[in-house]
């Protein structure tokens, strides 16, 4: 008699993949010399502590066609870098809009910049200059340049 179930517990608390998990998935999907290929999505889900549906979605996200000169000319494979780039791009705009009123230091810095000429504001060195300057629109300068 043998085991009917995998001894790895199925914990699906974190459904988003990290870069390390994508690399592990790519390694198991393609296989290495020391380990064979694992193509069963349920087993991959148990190894990565993800649901089978999450594994399916991740594989679909990173599915890339490679063109080769020798037959077969087209090979479809999972690419962790491509999947990570697509996930980062898709999740970049998620979440609530940034509310400027809750960050008092940012409000003070913007208040000081609005009184300056845009050229002087660009010349100053701030820690969060990209964040600060993204809130200033052209034409809001109170001084004549």
Protein backbone atom coordinates (compact mmCIF):
# COMPACT_ATOMS: atom_id res chain seq x y z
CA UNK A 1 0.00 0.00 0.00
CA UNK A 2 1.13 3.50 -0.60
CA UNK A 3 0.09 7.01 0.06
CA UNK A 4 -2.92 8.27 -1.82
CA UNK A 5 -2.29 11.95 -1.14
CA UNK A 6 0.73 14.19 -1.31
CA UNK A 7 2.28 14.81 2.10
CA UNK A 8 2.64 18.52 1.35
CA UNK A 9 -0.26 20.49 2.84
CA UNK A 10 -2.34 22.64 0.48
CA UNK A 11 -2.28 26.16 1.86
CA UNK A 12 -3.62 28.76 -0.53
CA UNK A 13 -3.31 31.90 1.59
CA UNK A 14 -1.20 33.85 -0.90
CA UNK A 15 -2.39 33.42 -4.47
CA UNK A 16 -0.02 35.96 -6.05
CA UNK A 17 3.22 34.52 -7.37
CA UNK A 18 6.58 35.91 -6.36
CA UNK A 19 9.60 35.94 -8.67
CA UNK A 20 11.14 32.97 -6.83
CA UNK A 21 7.93 30.95 -7.14
CA UNK A 22 7.77 31.67 -10.87
CA UNK A 23 11.33 30.43 -11.29
CA UNK A 24 10.53 27.27 -9.32
CA UNK A 25 7.44 26.71 -11.48
CA UNK A 26 9.50 27.17 -14.65
CA UNK A 27 12.12 24.71 -13.38
CA UNK A 28 9.56 22.05 -12.52
CA UNK A 29 7.60 22.59 -15.74
CA UNK A 30 10.66 22.32 -18.03
CA UNK A 31 12.53 19.83 -15.90
CA UNK A 32 16.25 19.61 -15.15
CA UNK A 33 18.85 16.90 -15.36
CA UNK A 34 18.50 16.02 -11.68
CA UNK A 35 14.71 16.24 -11.56
CA UNK A 36 12.16 15.18 -14.11
CA UNK A 37 9.43 17.33 -15.53
CA UNK A 38 6.28 17.82 -13.50
CA UNK A 39 3.35 18.58 -15.78
CA UNK A 40 0.51 17.77 -13.37
CA UNK A 41 -1.01 21.07 -12.29
CA UNK A 42 -2.44 19.61 -9.08
CA UNK A 43 0.99 18.35 -7.97
CA UNK A 44 2.58 21.70 -8.88
CA UNK A 45 -0.10 23.44 -6.83
CA UNK A 46 0.65 21.27 -3.82
CA UNK A 47 4.40 21.86 -4.15
CA UNK A 48 3.95 25.65 -4.43
CA UNK A 49 1.05 25.81 -1.91
CA UNK A 50 -1.28 27.25 -4.56
CA UNK A 51 -4.59 26.08 -5.92
CA UNK A 52 -4.73 24.22 -9.21
CA UNK A 53 -6.64 27.10 -10.80
CA UNK A 54 -3.90 29.56 -9.78
CA UNK A 55 -1.31 27.32 -11.44
CA UNK A 56 -3.40 27.19 -14.62
CA UNK A 57 -3.72 30.98 -14.72
CA UNK A 58 -0.01 31.46 -14.10
CA UNK A 59 0.93 29.04 -16.87
CA UNK A 60 -1.45 30.83 -19.25
CA UNK A 61 0.08 34.19 -18.29
CA UNK A 62 3.63 33.03 -19.07
CA UNK A 63 2.94 30.93 -22.18
CA UNK A 64 5.37 32.03 -24.93
CA UNK A 65 5.95 30.75 -28.45
CA UNK A 66 9.59 30.17 -29.39
CA UNK A 67 10.46 29.99 -33.08
CA UNK A 68 13.18 27.51 -33.98
CA UNK A 69 14.89 26.71 -37.24
CA UNK A 70 14.60 22.95 -36.87
CA UNK A 71 11.34 21.01 -36.77
CA UNK A 72 9.24 21.48 -34.74
CA UNK A 73 9.47 25.10 -35.82
CA UNK A 74 7.29 26.48 -33.02
CA UNK A 75 7.57 25.44 -29.38
CA UNK A 76 5.26 26.75 -26.66
CA UNK A 77 6.88 27.02 -23.21
CA UNK A 78 6.36 28.73 -19.88
CA UNK A 79 8.67 31.73 -19.39
CA UNK A 80 8.94 33.11 -15.84
CA UNK A 81 10.34 36.49 -16.95
CA UNK A 82 7.49 37.08 -19.40
CA UNK A 83 4.90 36.06 -16.78
CA UNK A 84 6.47 38.34 -14.16
CA UNK A 85 6.50 41.31 -16.56
CA UNK A 86 2.85 40.75 -17.50
CA UNK A 87 1.80 40.43 -13.85
CA UNK A 88 3.71 43.56 -12.84
CA UNK A 89 2.14 45.51 -15.70
CA UNK A 90 -1.37 44.26 -14.87
CA UNK A 91 -1.12 44.91 -11.14
CA UNK A 92 0.64 48.26 -11.42
CA UNK A 93 -2.53 50.34 -11.50
CA UNK A 94 -4.45 48.38 -8.86
CA UNK A 95 -5.29 49.77 -5.47
CA UNK A 96 -6.74 53.05 -4.27
CA UNK A 97 -5.65 56.38 -5.65
CA UNK A 98 -3.00 58.13 -3.59
CA UNK A 99 -4.52 60.74 -1.30
CA UNK A 100 -2.21 63.67 -0.92
CA UNK A 101 -3.93 65.02 2.21
CA UNK A 102 -2.76 62.14 4.40
CA UNK A 103 0.95 62.78 3.83
CA UNK A 104 1.71 66.03 5.69
CA UNK A 105 5.38 66.22 4.66
CA UNK A 106 4.40 65.83 1.01
CA UNK A 107 1.76 68.58 1.40
CA UNK A 108 4.34 70.95 2.88
CA UNK A 109 6.86 70.18 0.12
CA UNK A 110 4.24 70.74 -2.61
CA UNK A 111 3.12 73.97 -0.92
CA UNK A 112 6.71 75.22 -1.02
CA UNK A 113 7.14 74.17 -4.65
CA UNK A 114 3.95 75.84 -5.87
CA UNK A 115 5.37 79.20 -4.77
CA UNK A 116 8.53 78.64 -6.81
CA UNK A 117 9.17 78.98 -10.49
CA UNK A 118 8.98 75.53 -12.20
CA UNK A 119 12.65 75.81 -13.17
CA UNK A 120 13.66 76.48 -9.56
CA UNK A 121 11.49 73.58 -8.39
CA UNK A 122 13.22 71.22 -10.81
CA UNK A 123 16.63 72.43 -9.67
CA UNK A 124 15.97 71.60 -6.01
CA UNK A 125 16.93 68.23 -4.62
CA UNK A 126 14.13 66.35 -2.83
CA UNK A 127 14.00 62.74 -1.68
CA UNK A 128 10.62 62.13 -3.30
CA UNK A 129 11.00 64.52 -6.23
CA UNK A 130 9.25 62.14 -8.67
CA UNK A 131 6.23 61.94 -6.39
CA UNK A 132 6.20 65.67 -5.67
CA UNK A 133 6.67 66.81 -9.25
CA UNK A 134 3.92 64.48 -10.48
CA UNK A 135 1.37 66.62 -8.59
CA UNK A 136 2.50 69.97 -10.04
CA UNK A 137 0.91 70.96 -13.31
CA UNK A 138 2.38 73.45 -15.78
CA UNK A 139 0.95 76.93 -15.28
CA UNK A 140 0.54 76.72 -11.50
CA UNK A 141 3.59 78.87 -10.84
CA UNK A 142 2.68 82.00 -8.80
CA UNK A 143 5.83 83.87 -9.83
CA UNK A 144 6.70 85.18 -13.26
CA UNK A 145 9.58 83.37 -14.91
